[in-house]
C-alpha cells in the first residue's frame, strides 16, 4: 500500500498544476519563428554567413 501511495505522489502532478491553464499571445508566439536565411536572394549572402553555426566555427579560407 505504501508503494502505491509513493508512486502516486511521485507521478501525479499536484492539483494546482493540473487546473492551471497557460495562455499565450498568438502574435508574440508567431514572432518566435523567423523565415531563416533567404537562400533565394543572392544579394543577401552576407546575412546567410552570419548563421549560428558560422559565427562559432573556426575561420577558414575555404569560404
C-alpha atoms as a PDB file:
ATOM      1  CA  UNK A   1       0.000   0.000   0.000  1.00  0.00           C
ATOM      2  CA  UNK A   2       2.834   2.401   0.838  1.00  0.00           C
ATOM      3  CA  UNK A   3       4.452   1.769  -2.551  1.00  0.00           C
ATOM      4  CA  UNK A   4       1.218   2.643  -4.344  1.00  0.00           C
ATOM      5  CA  UNK A   5       0.919   5.865  -2.349  1.00  0.00           C
ATOM      6  CA  UNK A   6       4.539   6.816  -3.073  1.00  0.00           C
ATOM      7  CA  UNK A   7       4.090   6.082  -6.782  1.00  0.00           C
ATOM      8  CA  UNK A   8       1.037   8.316  -6.938  1.00  0.00           C
ATOM      9  CA  UNK A   9       2.857  11.098  -5.098  1.00  0.00           C
ATOM     10  CA  UNK A  10       5.812  10.931  -7.494  1.00  0.00           C
ATOM     11  CA  UNK A  11       3.991  10.615 -10.801  1.00  0.00           C
ATOM     12  CA  UNK A  12       0.804  12.610 -10.251  1.00  0.00           C
ATOM     13  CA  UNK A  13       1.156  16.384 -10.511  1.00  0.00           C
ATOM     14  CA  UNK A  14      -0.269  18.497  -7.693  1.00  0.00           C
ATOM     15  CA  UNK A  15      -3.879  19.606  -8.068  1.00  0.00           C
ATOM     16  CA  UNK A  16      -2.823  23.227  -8.522  1.00  0.00           C
ATOM     17  CA  UNK A  17      -0.784  22.454 -11.652  1.00  0.00           C
ATOM     18  CA  UNK A  18      -3.485  20.219 -13.144  1.00  0.00           C
ATOM     19  CA  UNK A  19      -6.003  23.049 -13.155  1.00  0.00           C
ATOM     20  CA  UNK A  20      -3.635  25.753 -14.411  1.00  0.00           C
ATOM     21  CA  UNK A  21      -4.225  26.921 -17.959  1.00  0.00           C
ATOM     22  CA  UNK A  22      -1.431  28.513 -19.901  1.00  0.00           C
ATOM     23  CA  UNK A  23      -2.298  31.482 -22.036  1.00  0.00           C
ATOM     24  CA  UNK A  24      -0.156  32.949 -24.776  1.00  0.00           C
ATOM     25  CA  UNK A  25      -0.456  35.761 -27.223  1.00  0.00           C
ATOM     26  CA  UNK A  26      -0.582  34.334 -30.773  1.00  0.00           C
ATOM     27  CA  UNK A  27       1.256  37.364 -32.181  1.00  0.00           C
ATOM     28  CA  UNK A  28       4.181  37.126 -29.797  1.00  0.00           C
ATOM     29  CA  UNK A  29       4.274  33.342 -30.245  1.00  0.00           C
ATOM     30  CA  UNK A  30       4.496  33.698 -34.035  1.00  0.00           C
ATOM     31  CA  UNK A  31       7.446  36.080 -33.677  1.00  0.00           C
ATOM     32  CA  UNK A  32       9.486  33.187 -32.276  1.00  0.00           C
ATOM     33  CA  UNK A  33       9.689  31.765 -35.780  1.00  0.00           C
ATOM     34  CA  UNK A  34      11.559  33.617 -38.484  1.00  0.00           C
ATOM     35  CA  UNK A  35      11.914  32.816 -42.145  1.00  0.00           C
ATOM     36  CA  UNK A  36      15.502  31.721 -41.729  1.00  0.00           C
ATOM     37  CA  UNK A  37      18.130  32.523 -44.262  1.00  0.00           C
ATOM     38  CA  UNK A  38      16.924  33.754 -47.649  1.00  0.00           C
ATOM     39  CA  UNK A  39      18.842  31.414 -49.908  1.00  0.00           C
ATOM     40  CA  UNK A  40      16.878  32.511 -52.992  1.00  0.00           C
ATOM     41  CA  UNK A  41      18.088  36.119 -52.748  1.00  0.00           C
ATOM     42  CA  UNK A  42      21.728  36.315 -53.897  1.00  0.00           C
ATOM     43  CA  UNK A  43      22.223  39.896 -52.658  1.00  0.00           C
ATOM     44  CA  UNK A  44      21.760  38.753 -49.057  1.00  0.00           C
ATOM     45  CA  UNK A  45      24.686  36.307 -48.931  1.00  0.00           C
ATOM     46  CA  UNK A  46      26.151  38.233 -46.004  1.00  0.00           C
ATOM     47  CA  UNK A  47      23.017  37.515 -43.993  1.00  0.00           C
ATOM     48  CA  UNK A  48      23.439  33.773 -44.543  1.00  0.00           C
ATOM     49  CA  UNK A  49      27.061  33.791 -43.444  1.00  0.00           C
ATOM     50  CA  UNK A  50      26.058  35.089 -40.006  1.00  0.00           C
ATOM     51  CA  UNK A  51      24.094  31.998 -39.099  1.00  0.00           C
ATOM     52  CA  UNK A  52      24.617  30.480 -35.652  1.00  0.00           C
ATOM     53  CA  UNK A  53      26.994  27.765 -36.804  1.00  0.00           C
ATOM     54  CA  UNK A  54      29.042  30.139 -38.942  1.00  0.00           C
ATOM     55  CA  UNK A  55      29.529  32.594 -36.094  1.00  0.00           C
ATOM     56  CA  UNK A  56      31.094  29.952 -33.876  1.00  0.00           C
ATOM     57  CA  UNK A  57      33.017  27.964 -36.481  1.00  0.00           C
ATOM     58  CA  UNK A  58      36.780  28.224 -36.866  1.00  0.00           C
ATOM     59  CA  UNK A  59      37.540  30.720 -39.656  1.00  0.00           C
ATOM     60  CA  UNK A  60      38.644  29.054 -42.858  1.00  0.00           C
ATOM     61  CA  UNK A  61      39.931  30.214 -46.231  1.00  0.00           C
ATOM     62  CA  UNK A  62      37.522  27.825 -47.976  1.00  0.00           C
ATOM     63  CA  UNK A  63      34.592  30.224 -47.775  1.00  0.00           C
END
